[in-house]
Each structure stands twice: as C-alpha cells, then as structure tokens.
N, C-alpha and C. Protein backbone atom coordinates (compact mmCIF):
# COMPACT_ATOMS: atom_id res chain seq x y z
N UNK A 1 105.65 -64.10 55.98
CA UNK A 1 105.88 -62.33 56.61
C UNK A 1 105.77 -61.80 55.62
N UNK A 2 105.82 -61.85 54.27
CA UNK A 2 105.93 -61.16 53.26
C UNK A 2 104.61 -60.81 52.97
N UNK A 3 103.94 -61.96 52.83
CA UNK A 3 102.45 -62.08 51.92
C UNK A 3 101.68 -60.95 53.31
N UNK A 4 101.75 -61.32 54.72
CA UNK A 4 101.44 -60.70 55.09
C UNK A 4 101.55 -59.26 55.39
N UNK A 5 102.51 -58.61 54.95
CA UNK A 5 102.83 -57.43 54.72
C UNK A 5 102.47 -56.85 53.31
N UNK A 6 102.25 -57.30 52.02
CA UNK A 6 101.40 -57.49 51.46
C UNK A 6 100.12 -57.06 51.48
N UNK A 7 99.60 -58.04 51.61
CA UNK A 7 97.89 -57.92 52.22
C UNK A 7 97.49 -56.57 52.85
N UNK A 8 98.28 -56.58 53.65
CA UNK A 8 98.29 -55.66 55.00
C UNK A 8 98.28 -54.13 54.34
N UNK A 9 99.37 -54.23 53.21
CA UNK A 9 99.42 -52.99 52.71
C UNK A 9 98.41 -52.76 51.48
N UNK A 10 97.92 -53.75 51.05
CA UNK A 10 96.56 -53.60 50.34
C UNK A 10 95.07 -53.06 51.04
N UNK A 11 95.52 -53.96 52.14
CA UNK A 11 94.02 -53.51 52.62
C UNK A 11 93.80 -51.87 53.20
N UNK A 12 95.15 -51.56 53.67
CA UNK A 12 95.20 -49.89 54.08
C UNK A 12 95.05 -49.24 52.60
N UNK A 13 95.31 -49.45 51.77
CA UNK A 13 95.35 -48.68 50.20
C UNK A 13 93.57 -48.94 49.77
N UNK A 14 93.19 -49.86 50.37
CA UNK A 14 91.87 -49.94 50.11
C UNK A 14 91.14 -49.17 50.94
N UNK A 15 91.33 -49.21 52.33
CA UNK A 15 90.66 -48.01 53.22
C UNK A 15 90.62 -46.99 52.99
N UNK A 16 92.17 -46.60 52.38
CA UNK A 16 92.45 -45.05 52.01
C UNK A 16 91.45 -44.93 51.08
N UNK A 17 91.11 -45.27 49.99
CA UNK A 17 90.38 -45.46 49.09
C UNK A 17 88.93 -44.94 49.62
N UNK A 18 88.84 -45.05 50.71
CA UNK A 18 87.22 -45.12 51.30
C UNK A 18 87.29 -44.14 52.21
N UNK A 19 88.36 -43.24 52.34
CA UNK A 19 88.32 -42.09 52.86
C UNK A 19 88.79 -42.06 54.32
N UNK A 20 89.57 -43.44 54.95
CA UNK A 20 90.26 -43.83 55.99
C UNK A 20 91.29 -42.67 56.53
N UNK A 21 91.23 -41.88 56.94
CA UNK A 21 92.41 -41.12 57.39
C UNK A 21 93.50 -41.71 58.24
N UNK A 22 92.98 -42.89 59.10
CA UNK A 22 94.02 -43.54 59.86
C UNK A 22 94.82 -44.42 59.33
N UNK A 23 94.01 -44.89 57.93
CA UNK A 23 94.88 -46.00 57.05
C UNK A 23 95.59 -45.00 56.56
N UNK A 24 95.65 -44.10 56.15
CA UNK A 24 96.29 -43.18 55.54
C UNK A 24 97.85 -43.16 56.01
N UNK A 25 97.44 -42.62 57.29
CA UNK A 25 98.86 -42.83 58.65
C UNK A 25 99.70 -43.64 58.53
N UNK A 26 98.75 -44.89 58.62
CA UNK A 26 99.34 -46.15 58.70
C UNK A 26 100.19 -46.67 57.59
N UNK A 27 99.80 -45.97 56.08
CA UNK A 27 99.73 -46.59 54.95
C UNK A 27 101.61 -45.87 54.79
N UNK A 28 101.50 -44.54 54.50
CA UNK A 28 102.63 -43.99 54.11
C UNK A 28 104.46 -44.43 54.76
N UNK A 29 104.43 -44.91 55.98
CA UNK A 29 105.95 -45.75 56.39
C UNK A 29 105.90 -47.08 55.91
N UNK A 30 104.88 -47.43 55.44
CA UNK A 30 104.85 -49.19 55.17
C UNK A 30 105.21 -48.80 53.81
N UNK A 31 104.97 -47.98 52.99
CA UNK A 31 105.27 -47.75 51.53
C UNK A 31 106.62 -46.55 50.99
N UNK A 32 106.59 -46.11 52.09
CA UNK A 32 107.78 -44.95 51.77
C UNK A 32 109.16 -45.68 51.39
N UNK A 33 109.52 -46.31 51.79
CA UNK A 33 110.89 -46.86 51.65
C UNK A 33 110.97 -47.61 50.00
N UNK A 34 109.78 -48.19 49.69
CA UNK A 34 109.53 -48.89 48.26
C UNK A 34 109.68 -47.41 47.05
N UNK A 35 108.89 -46.18 47.76
CA UNK A 35 108.81 -45.43 46.96
C UNK A 35 110.07 -44.77 46.53
N UNK A 36 110.78 -44.45 47.69
CA UNK A 36 112.18 -43.97 47.50
C UNK A 36 113.19 -44.89 46.12
N UNK A 37 113.01 -46.42 46.40
CA UNK A 37 113.19 -46.83 45.75
C UNK A 37 113.05 -47.05 44.12
N UNK A 38 111.53 -46.92 43.88
CA UNK A 38 111.25 -46.83 42.41
C UNK A 38 111.94 -45.77 42.22
N UNK A 39 111.46 -44.30 42.96
CA UNK A 39 112.26 -42.94 42.51
C UNK A 39 113.55 -43.21 42.46
N UNK A 40 114.15 -43.97 42.86
CA UNK A 40 115.78 -43.74 42.66
C UNK A 40 115.74 -44.64 41.37
N UNK A 41 115.15 -45.72 40.95
CA UNK A 41 114.91 -46.38 39.67
C UNK A 41 114.59 -45.29 38.55
N UNK A 42 113.66 -44.58 38.47
CA UNK A 42 113.17 -43.32 37.50
C UNK A 42 114.99 -42.54 37.51
N UNK A 43 115.28 -41.96 38.39
CA UNK A 43 116.39 -41.49 38.45
C UNK A 43 117.93 -42.00 38.49
N UNK A 44 117.78 -43.38 38.14
CA UNK A 44 118.86 -43.99 37.98
C UNK A 44 120.01 -43.26 36.99
N UNK A 45 121.42 -43.27 37.13
CA UNK A 45 122.12 -42.51 36.07
C UNK A 45 121.33 -41.12 35.91
N UNK A 46 121.30 -40.80 36.77
CA UNK A 46 120.96 -39.20 36.61
C UNK A 46 122.30 -38.17 36.42
N UNK A 47 122.90 -38.64 37.40
CA UNK A 47 124.50 -37.60 36.78
C UNK A 47 123.99 -36.15 37.13
N UNK A 48 122.92 -35.64 37.44
CA UNK A 48 122.90 -34.35 37.87
C UNK A 48 121.93 -34.16 39.22
N UNK A 49 122.19 -34.82 40.19
CA UNK A 49 121.53 -34.93 41.19
C UNK A 49 120.72 -33.58 42.11
N UNK A 50 121.74 -32.45 42.02
CA UNK A 50 121.25 -31.49 42.26
C UNK A 50 119.83 -30.94 41.37
N UNK A 51 119.36 -31.19 40.15
CA UNK A 51 117.90 -30.76 39.75
C UNK A 51 117.31 -31.86 40.45
N UNK A 52 117.22 -32.56 40.87
CA UNK A 52 116.14 -33.41 41.33
C UNK A 52 116.18 -34.54 42.08
N UNK A 53 115.95 -34.59 43.43
CA UNK A 53 116.58 -35.51 44.59
C UNK A 53 115.39 -36.40 44.53
N UNK A 54 115.76 -37.86 45.03
CA UNK A 54 114.86 -38.97 45.06
C UNK A 54 113.87 -38.35 46.01
N UNK A 55 113.93 -37.81 47.04
CA UNK A 55 113.07 -37.52 48.35
C UNK A 55 111.88 -36.59 47.35
N UNK A 56 112.67 -35.53 46.76
CA UNK A 56 111.47 -34.34 46.09
C UNK A 56 110.67 -35.17 44.71
N UNK A 57 111.27 -36.38 44.28
CA UNK A 57 110.74 -36.92 43.31
C UNK A 57 109.38 -37.73 44.06
N UNK A 58 110.04 -38.56 45.41
CA UNK A 58 108.64 -39.05 45.97
C UNK A 58 107.55 -38.07 46.75
N UNK A 59 107.94 -36.94 47.06
CA UNK A 59 107.47 -36.07 47.59
C UNK A 59 106.22 -35.56 46.25
N UNK A 60 106.58 -35.41 45.25
CA UNK A 60 105.87 -34.47 44.12
C UNK A 60 104.98 -35.68 43.84
N UNK A 61 105.32 -37.18 43.76
CA UNK A 61 104.49 -38.18 42.88
C UNK A 61 102.94 -38.26 44.29
N UNK A 62 103.82 -38.34 45.84
CA UNK A 62 102.95 -38.42 46.75
C UNK A 62 101.48 -37.78 46.56
N UNK A 63 102.62 -36.26 46.47
CA UNK A 63 100.98 -34.95 46.18
C UNK A 63 100.24 -35.65 45.17
N UNK A 64 100.62 -36.10 43.77
CA UNK A 64 99.74 -36.04 42.66
C UNK A 64 98.99 -37.32 43.40
N UNK A 65 99.29 -38.69 44.20
CA UNK A 65 98.71 -39.64 44.51
C UNK A 65 97.51 -39.57 45.26
N UNK A 66 97.60 -38.14 46.11
CA UNK A 66 96.91 -37.76 47.13
C UNK A 66 95.53 -37.32 46.69
N UNK A 67 95.66 -37.03 45.13
CA UNK A 67 94.71 -36.18 44.58
C UNK A 67 93.90 -37.81 44.41
N UNK A 68 94.70 -38.70 44.13
CA UNK A 68 93.77 -39.77 43.32
C UNK A 68 93.45 -40.79 44.40
N UNK A 69 92.92 -39.85 45.76
CA UNK A 69 93.14 -41.19 47.02
C UNK A 69 91.55 -41.77 46.77
N UNK A 70 90.66 -41.49 45.78
CA UNK A 70 89.92 -42.43 45.65
C UNK A 70 89.84 -43.26 45.08
N UNK A 71 90.80 -43.89 44.31
CA UNK A 71 91.29 -45.01 42.76
C UNK A 71 90.95 -46.32 43.64
N UNK A 72 90.24 -46.70 43.02
CA UNK A 72 90.54 -48.29 43.51
C UNK A 72 91.51 -49.44 43.48
N UNK A 73 92.43 -49.23 44.60
CA UNK A 73 93.12 -49.96 44.52
C UNK A 73 93.23 -51.37 44.78
N UNK A 74 93.76 -52.13 43.45
CA UNK A 74 93.73 -53.58 43.00
C UNK A 74 94.74 -54.25 44.26
N UNK A 75 95.90 -53.83 44.11
CA UNK A 75 96.55 -54.65 45.54
C UNK A 75 97.85 -53.66 45.48
N UNK A 76 99.01 -54.03 46.13
CA UNK A 76 100.32 -53.26 46.32
C UNK A 76 101.01 -53.10 45.02
N UNK A 77 101.20 -53.91 43.86
CA UNK A 77 101.94 -53.86 42.74
C UNK A 77 101.16 -52.80 41.98
N UNK A 78 99.90 -52.89 41.97
CA UNK A 78 99.20 -51.62 41.27
C UNK A 78 99.17 -50.26 42.05
N UNK A 79 99.50 -49.99 43.21
CA UNK A 79 100.02 -48.93 43.63
C UNK A 79 100.92 -48.31 43.29
N UNK A 80 102.34 -49.46 43.55
CA UNK A 80 103.36 -48.70 42.59
C UNK A 80 103.75 -48.87 41.10
N UNK A 81 102.83 -49.21 40.24
CA UNK A 81 103.11 -49.24 39.33
C UNK A 81 102.42 -47.93 38.69
N UNK A 82 101.20 -47.34 39.33
CA UNK A 82 100.64 -46.47 39.19
C UNK A 82 101.52 -45.12 39.96
N UNK A 83 102.53 -45.47 40.87
CA UNK A 83 103.37 -44.32 41.20
C UNK A 83 104.76 -44.16 40.21
N UNK A 84 105.20 -45.22 39.75
CA UNK A 84 106.41 -45.10 38.78
C UNK A 84 105.42 -44.34 37.91
N UNK A 85 104.40 -44.44 37.20
CA UNK A 85 103.83 -43.90 35.83
C UNK A 85 104.12 -42.48 36.19
N UNK A 86 103.47 -41.63 37.30
CA UNK A 86 103.41 -40.42 38.25
C UNK A 86 105.21 -40.25 37.71
N UNK A 87 105.97 -40.57 38.52
CA UNK A 87 107.20 -40.31 38.75
C UNK A 87 107.77 -39.99 37.15
N UNK A 88 107.44 -41.12 36.37
CA UNK A 88 107.81 -41.04 34.33
C UNK A 88 107.14 -39.81 34.20
N UNK A 89 105.95 -39.26 34.66
CA UNK A 89 105.00 -38.10 33.96
C UNK A 89 105.77 -36.89 34.60
N UNK A 90 106.27 -36.75 35.88
CA UNK A 90 106.78 -35.60 36.18
C UNK A 90 108.18 -35.78 35.75
N UNK A 91 108.94 -36.61 35.40
CA UNK A 91 110.19 -36.30 34.91
C UNK A 91 110.22 -36.29 33.31
N UNK A 92 109.32 -36.32 32.65
CA UNK A 92 108.86 -35.91 31.25
C UNK A 92 108.60 -34.43 31.13
N UNK A 93 107.49 -33.70 32.17
CA UNK A 93 107.10 -33.15 32.35
C UNK A 93 108.33 -31.89 32.55
N UNK A 94 109.42 -32.29 33.44
CA UNK A 94 110.37 -31.00 33.89
C UNK A 94 111.20 -31.22 32.60
N UNK A 95 111.52 -32.52 31.67
CA UNK A 95 112.25 -32.24 30.39
C UNK A 95 112.00 -31.46 29.37
N UNK A 96 110.40 -31.56 29.13
CA UNK A 96 109.78 -30.64 28.37
C UNK A 96 109.62 -29.10 28.56
N UNK A 97 109.81 -28.91 30.31
CA UNK A 97 109.55 -27.66 30.33
C UNK A 97 111.19 -27.05 29.69
N UNK A 98 112.17 -27.94 30.27
CA UNK A 98 113.31 -27.54 29.93
C UNK A 98 113.65 -27.66 28.75
N UNK A 99 113.42 -27.94 27.76
CA UNK A 99 113.50 -28.12 26.15
C UNK A 99 112.46 -26.68 25.75
N UNK A 100 111.53 -26.28 26.12
CA UNK A 100 110.57 -25.20 25.84
C UNK A 100 111.49 -24.11 26.07
N UNK A 101 112.45 -23.96 27.47
CA UNK A 101 113.42 -23.02 27.44
C UNK A 101 114.28 -22.79 26.49
N UNK A 102 114.62 -23.91 26.29
CA UNK A 102 115.61 -23.72 24.68
C UNK A 102 115.05 -23.62 23.49
N UNK A 103 114.76 -22.42 23.13
CA UNK A 103 114.40 -22.09 21.66
C UNK A 103 115.32 -23.17 20.72
N UNK A 104 114.35 -23.70 19.90
CA UNK A 104 115.04 -24.26 18.66
C UNK A 104 115.52 -25.97 18.84
N UNK A 105 115.71 -26.28 20.09
CA UNK A 105 116.26 -27.54 20.61
C UNK A 105 115.11 -28.59 20.10
N UNK A 106 115.66 -29.64 19.31
CA UNK A 106 114.95 -30.72 18.83
C UNK A 106 115.04 -31.63 19.48
N UNK A 107 114.34 -32.81 19.62
CA UNK A 107 114.23 -34.09 19.73
C UNK A 107 115.52 -34.89 18.78
N UNK A 108 116.38 -35.60 19.08
CA UNK A 108 117.11 -36.41 18.17
C UNK A 108 116.71 -38.18 18.39
N UNK A 109 117.00 -38.94 17.37
CA UNK A 109 116.94 -40.22 17.55
C UNK A 109 118.56 -40.53 18.21
N UNK A 110 117.96 -41.52 19.05
CA UNK A 110 118.78 -42.19 20.42
C UNK A 110 118.54 -43.56 20.44
N UNK A 111 119.84 -44.55 21.40
CA UNK A 111 119.35 -45.78 21.53
C UNK A 111 118.66 -46.03 22.50
N UNK A 112 118.15 -47.56 22.59
CA UNK A 112 116.88 -47.25 23.76
C UNK A 112 117.41 -47.29 24.97
N UNK A 113 118.88 -47.86 25.10
CA UNK A 113 119.80 -47.94 26.23
C UNK A 113 119.71 -46.38 26.92
N UNK A 114 120.29 -45.98 25.97
CA UNK A 114 120.50 -44.00 26.20
C UNK A 114 119.58 -43.61 26.75
N UNK A 115 118.36 -44.15 25.97
CA UNK A 115 116.89 -42.86 26.36
C UNK A 115 116.53 -43.38 27.60
N UNK A 116 116.43 -44.70 27.76
CA UNK A 116 116.06 -45.33 29.52
C UNK A 116 116.91 -44.48 30.30
N UNK A 117 118.40 -44.32 30.40
CA UNK A 117 119.13 -43.86 31.17
C UNK A 117 118.93 -42.57 32.06
N UNK A 118 117.73 -41.78 31.15
CA UNK A 118 116.83 -40.38 31.43
C UNK A 118 117.86 -39.68 32.45
N UNK A 119 118.71 -39.15 31.69
CA UNK A 119 120.02 -38.13 32.66
C UNK A 119 119.25 -36.53 32.54
N UNK A 120 119.56 -35.75 33.39
CA UNK A 120 118.80 -34.67 33.50
C UNK A 120 119.26 -33.75 32.60
N UNK A 121 120.58 -34.13 32.17
CA UNK A 121 121.34 -33.13 31.25
C UNK A 121 121.02 -33.37 30.00
N UNK A 122 120.16 -34.19 29.72
CA UNK A 122 119.81 -34.37 28.23
C UNK A 122 118.11 -34.89 28.34
N UNK A 123 117.17 -33.61 28.37
CA UNK A 123 116.11 -33.75 28.35
C UNK A 123 115.31 -33.78 26.81
N UNK A 124 116.21 -33.94 26.06
CA UNK A 124 115.60 -34.49 24.49
C UNK A 124 115.32 -35.75 24.83
N UNK A 125 116.51 -36.52 25.15
CA UNK A 125 116.10 -37.65 25.13
C UNK A 125 115.42 -38.47 25.94
N UNK A 126 114.68 -37.58 26.80
CA UNK A 126 113.94 -38.27 28.16
C UNK A 126 112.27 -37.83 26.96
N UNK A 127 112.46 -36.72 26.18
CA UNK A 127 110.93 -36.72 25.79
C UNK A 127 110.88 -37.49 24.32
N UNK A 128 112.39 -37.81 23.54
CA UNK A 128 112.02 -38.84 22.82
C UNK A 128 111.68 -40.35 23.48
N UNK A 129 111.89 -40.78 24.26
CA UNK A 129 111.43 -42.00 25.00
C UNK A 129 110.06 -41.96 25.07
N UNK A 130 109.56 -40.62 25.91
CA UNK A 130 108.22 -40.32 26.31
C UNK A 130 107.25 -40.49 24.83
N UNK A 131 108.18 -39.71 23.84
CA UNK A 131 106.96 -39.75 22.86
C UNK A 131 106.94 -41.25 22.27
N UNK A 132 108.04 -41.67 22.27
CA UNK A 132 108.34 -43.32 21.45
C UNK A 132 107.19 -44.09 22.04
N UNK A 133 107.65 -44.06 23.66
CA UNK A 133 106.33 -44.89 24.97
C UNK A 133 104.99 -44.38 24.09
N UNK A 134 104.32 -43.10 24.47
CA UNK A 134 103.18 -42.82 23.46
C UNK A 134 102.75 -43.51 22.57
N UNK A 135 103.84 -43.37 21.44
CA UNK A 135 103.33 -43.80 20.14
C UNK A 135 103.14 -45.40 20.26
N UNK A 136 103.95 -46.23 21.03
CA UNK A 136 103.85 -47.44 21.43
C UNK A 136 102.70 -47.71 21.51
N UNK A 137 101.99 -47.17 22.87
CA UNK A 137 101.01 -47.31 23.64
C UNK A 137 99.71 -47.04 23.00
N UNK A 138 99.97 -46.58 21.69
CA UNK A 138 98.52 -46.26 20.60
C UNK A 138 98.65 -47.35 19.89
N UNK A 139 99.35 -48.07 19.69
CA UNK A 139 99.28 -49.25 19.02
C UNK A 139 99.67 -50.62 19.61
N UNK A 140 100.20 -50.64 20.71
CA UNK A 140 100.30 -52.14 21.65
C UNK A 140 100.51 -51.61 23.20
N UNK A 141 99.35 -51.08 23.42
CA UNK A 141 99.22 -50.52 24.93
C UNK A 141 99.83 -51.92 25.83
N UNK A 142 99.75 -52.79 25.61
CA UNK A 142 100.15 -53.78 26.60
C UNK A 142 101.61 -53.61 27.02
N UNK A 143 102.27 -53.64 25.71
CA UNK A 143 103.77 -53.29 25.50
C UNK A 143 104.31 -52.49 26.27
N UNK A 144 103.76 -50.90 25.94
CA UNK A 144 104.03 -49.63 26.52
C UNK A 144 103.84 -49.96 28.26
N UNK A 145 102.88 -50.31 28.59
CA UNK A 145 102.61 -50.58 29.85
C UNK A 145 103.61 -51.67 30.66
N UNK A 146 104.26 -52.48 30.10
CA UNK A 146 104.88 -53.52 30.86
C UNK A 146 106.34 -52.64 30.34
N UNK A 147 106.32 -51.74 29.37
CA UNK A 147 107.84 -50.91 29.57
C UNK A 147 107.81 -50.46 30.91
N UNK A 148 106.93 -49.71 31.23
CA UNK A 148 106.78 -48.76 32.21
C UNK A 148 107.01 -49.44 33.77
N UNK A 149 105.98 -50.26 33.33
CA UNK A 149 106.43 -51.70 35.01
C UNK A 149 107.50 -51.83 35.43
N UNK A 150 108.14 -52.60 34.22
CA UNK A 150 109.60 -53.35 34.46
C UNK A 150 110.61 -52.39 34.42
N UNK A 151 110.49 -51.13 33.96
CA UNK A 151 111.75 -50.28 33.74
C UNK A 151 111.38 -49.27 34.77
N UNK A 152 110.30 -48.49 34.69
CA UNK A 152 110.11 -47.52 35.21
C UNK A 152 109.84 -47.60 36.94
N UNK A 153 108.85 -49.16 37.49
CA UNK A 153 108.52 -49.41 38.35
C UNK A 153 109.71 -50.40 39.22
N UNK A 154 109.89 -50.99 38.18
CA UNK A 154 111.18 -51.97 38.66
C UNK A 154 110.62 -53.14 38.91
N UNK A 155 109.30 -53.16 38.58
CA UNK A 155 108.74 -54.83 39.03
C UNK A 155 109.09 -55.83 37.56
N UNK A 156 109.18 -57.29 38.69
CA UNK A 156 109.93 -57.91 38.31
C UNK A 156 108.78 -58.69 37.15
N UNK A 157 109.19 -59.94 36.25
CA UNK A 157 108.30 -60.18 35.55
C UNK A 157 106.73 -60.57 36.14
N UNK A 158 106.82 -61.47 37.30
CA UNK A 158 105.97 -62.09 37.92
C UNK A 158 104.80 -61.02 38.59
N UNK A 159 105.26 -60.15 39.23
CA UNK A 159 104.65 -58.58 39.17
C UNK A 159 103.97 -58.15 38.51
N UNK A 160 104.61 -57.88 37.41
CA UNK A 160 104.32 -57.05 36.03
C UNK A 160 103.02 -57.99 35.70
N UNK A 161 103.07 -59.43 35.60
CA UNK A 161 102.07 -60.17 35.14
C UNK A 161 101.01 -60.07 36.05
N UNK A 162 101.13 -60.06 37.13
CA UNK A 162 99.92 -59.77 38.52
C UNK A 162 99.38 -58.54 38.14
N UNK A 163 99.85 -57.67 37.97
CA UNK A 163 99.45 -56.45 37.91
C UNK A 163 98.59 -56.47 36.37
N UNK A 164 98.91 -56.63 35.47
CA UNK A 164 98.70 -56.60 33.98
C UNK A 164 97.51 -57.98 33.92
N UNK A 165 97.32 -58.65 34.70
CA UNK A 165 96.32 -60.06 34.43
C UNK A 165 96.79 -61.24 33.50
N UNK A 166 98.19 -61.09 33.08
CA UNK A 166 98.42 -62.21 32.04
C UNK A 166 99.58 -62.89 32.87
N UNK A 167 100.21 -63.89 32.03
CA UNK A 167 101.09 -64.84 32.22
C UNK A 167 102.54 -64.26 32.10
N UNK A 168 103.34 -64.67 33.05
CA UNK A 168 104.60 -64.36 32.96
C UNK A 168 105.35 -64.28 31.56
N UNK A 169 105.21 -65.56 31.12
CA UNK A 169 105.25 -65.80 29.19
C UNK A 169 104.91 -64.58 28.84
N UNK A 170 104.01 -64.37 28.61
CA UNK A 170 103.21 -62.87 27.97
C UNK A 170 104.52 -61.95 28.06
N UNK A 171 104.23 -61.49 29.46
CA UNK A 171 105.15 -60.63 30.12
C UNK A 171 106.50 -60.52 29.07
N UNK A 172 107.29 -61.58 28.92
CA UNK A 172 108.56 -61.88 28.56
C UNK A 172 108.30 -61.48 27.05
N UNK A 173 107.56 -62.23 26.75
CA UNK A 173 107.11 -61.34 24.94
C UNK A 173 107.04 -60.57 24.62
N UNK A 174 106.25 -59.81 25.34
CA UNK A 174 105.89 -58.34 25.16
C UNK A 174 107.14 -57.65 25.46
N UNK A 175 107.85 -57.86 26.38
CA UNK A 175 109.30 -57.10 26.71
C UNK A 175 110.19 -57.00 25.70
N UNK A 176 110.63 -57.91 25.08
CA UNK A 176 111.08 -58.27 24.30
C UNK A 176 110.75 -57.33 22.83
N UNK A 177 109.28 -57.65 22.46
CA UNK A 177 109.34 -57.05 21.10
C UNK A 177 109.10 -55.24 21.20
N UNK A 178 108.56 -55.15 22.80
CA UNK A 178 108.75 -53.73 22.98
C UNK A 178 109.96 -52.69 22.83
N UNK A 179 110.71 -53.38 23.52
CA UNK A 179 112.30 -53.13 23.59
C UNK A 179 112.88 -53.16 22.11
N UNK A 180 112.54 -53.93 21.48
CA UNK A 180 112.95 -53.76 20.09
C UNK A 180 112.61 -52.69 19.29
N UNK A 181 111.09 -52.92 19.29
CA UNK A 181 110.35 -51.39 18.55
C UNK A 181 110.60 -50.06 19.49
N UNK A 182 111.15 -50.13 20.45
CA UNK A 182 111.64 -48.39 20.83
C UNK A 182 113.36 -48.60 20.47
N UNK A 183 113.66 -49.63 20.29
CA UNK A 183 115.49 -49.42 19.58
C UNK A 183 115.02 -48.71 17.86
N UNK A 184 114.30 -49.54 17.60
CA UNK A 184 114.01 -49.14 15.94
C UNK A 184 113.25 -47.65 16.08
N UNK A 185 112.50 -47.10 16.80
CA UNK A 185 112.04 -45.95 16.78
C UNK A 185 112.80 -44.80 17.08
N UNK A 186 113.28 -45.35 18.32
CA UNK A 186 114.42 -44.38 19.17
C UNK A 186 115.72 -43.81 17.80
N UNK A 187 116.50 -44.97 17.16
CA UNK A 187 117.38 -44.75 16.05
C UNK A 187 116.83 -44.56 14.57
N UNK A 188 115.49 -44.49 14.54
CA UNK A 188 115.40 -43.68 13.42
C UNK A 188 115.50 -42.59 13.21
N UNK A 189 115.84 -42.08 11.88
CA UNK A 189 116.30 -41.06 11.81
C UNK A 189 115.58 -39.77 11.08
C-alpha cells in the first residue's frame, strides 16, 4: 500500500509539472499532512508559536512551490526535500529581517544543537546556522544537502540516500562529518 501511495504521489507531481490542474487538485490532499509534519519539524522547539504557525509556514512554502510548478519532480522524497529547503529559506529570511530591525545586533558563535533548535526568539542563531550551512555548501555541497534533508525535511537515511543517489553508508558518513564541521564552525569565536 505504501508503495502505491508513493508512486501515485510521484505520478501526480509529474502531471503537475506538465501543467495538469486536476493533478494539482488531487495532489494537495495527499501531501498536505506530510508538509505540515515537515513544517512542524522546522519549527520544532520554536517557543514562540504566535510568530509563525505550522499552517502559515506550509502555506507560504506552498505559494513558493506553486511558482516552481514546472520543476521536474523525480519522486515524492524530492518534493519534500525541496519543500524543506523552502521552509528553511522562509525561516532564515524572517530571522534576517528581525536582525535587520535590531540595529547593531550581531550573530554570535553557538553550539550546533542550539542552532538547530531554530527558536524564533533567537534570530541571530538562525542566521548563524544558515551562514554555516552556506559555507559548508561551498566546500562540501553534498554534506550541506544531507543536513537539510535529514534535519529540516526529516528524511530517514534511506530516503536521503534515494534523493541524493548515494548509499546509506555515504549518507551516515557525511552526516557525521557535517555535524562535526558545523559544531566547529558555530562554536568558533
């Protein structure tokens, strides 16, 4: 049953990319709950629910996804990986706006676990994590992508391996190295 759900979702994604509006209407109910799960994961430990609700994040991401309707969706996991990346961008953009509003506020070195918590009350940490991930992406793009997929999208090792076209062992090795690198980068003064 799970395989038919995945294949039907992938089929609908590909039909949407071809401009099929009926497929889009059929796709939304299939992916909405999972998008809420991804959004909830992105907002985990938020602590300030009044600043951004899961539903708001899903809807904002959906609007951005609609602009990407011609994207060639490879499979269901690809869709959710792109969704998680969009949600991360939304959160980082909000954090940067909040920092800009606070004149003279600077990002500080923090621990990787603190940064990954993504609390809305600490936009500097969100920006620090984003800057560190962007730096990692310049030197080791696959490792940065694995962090996005594993943490932000909540994909399992096997799902991450499928999205990237690598083995699960490679994902685990890169995941460990990326976390160590981020810890070093975020705690540097």
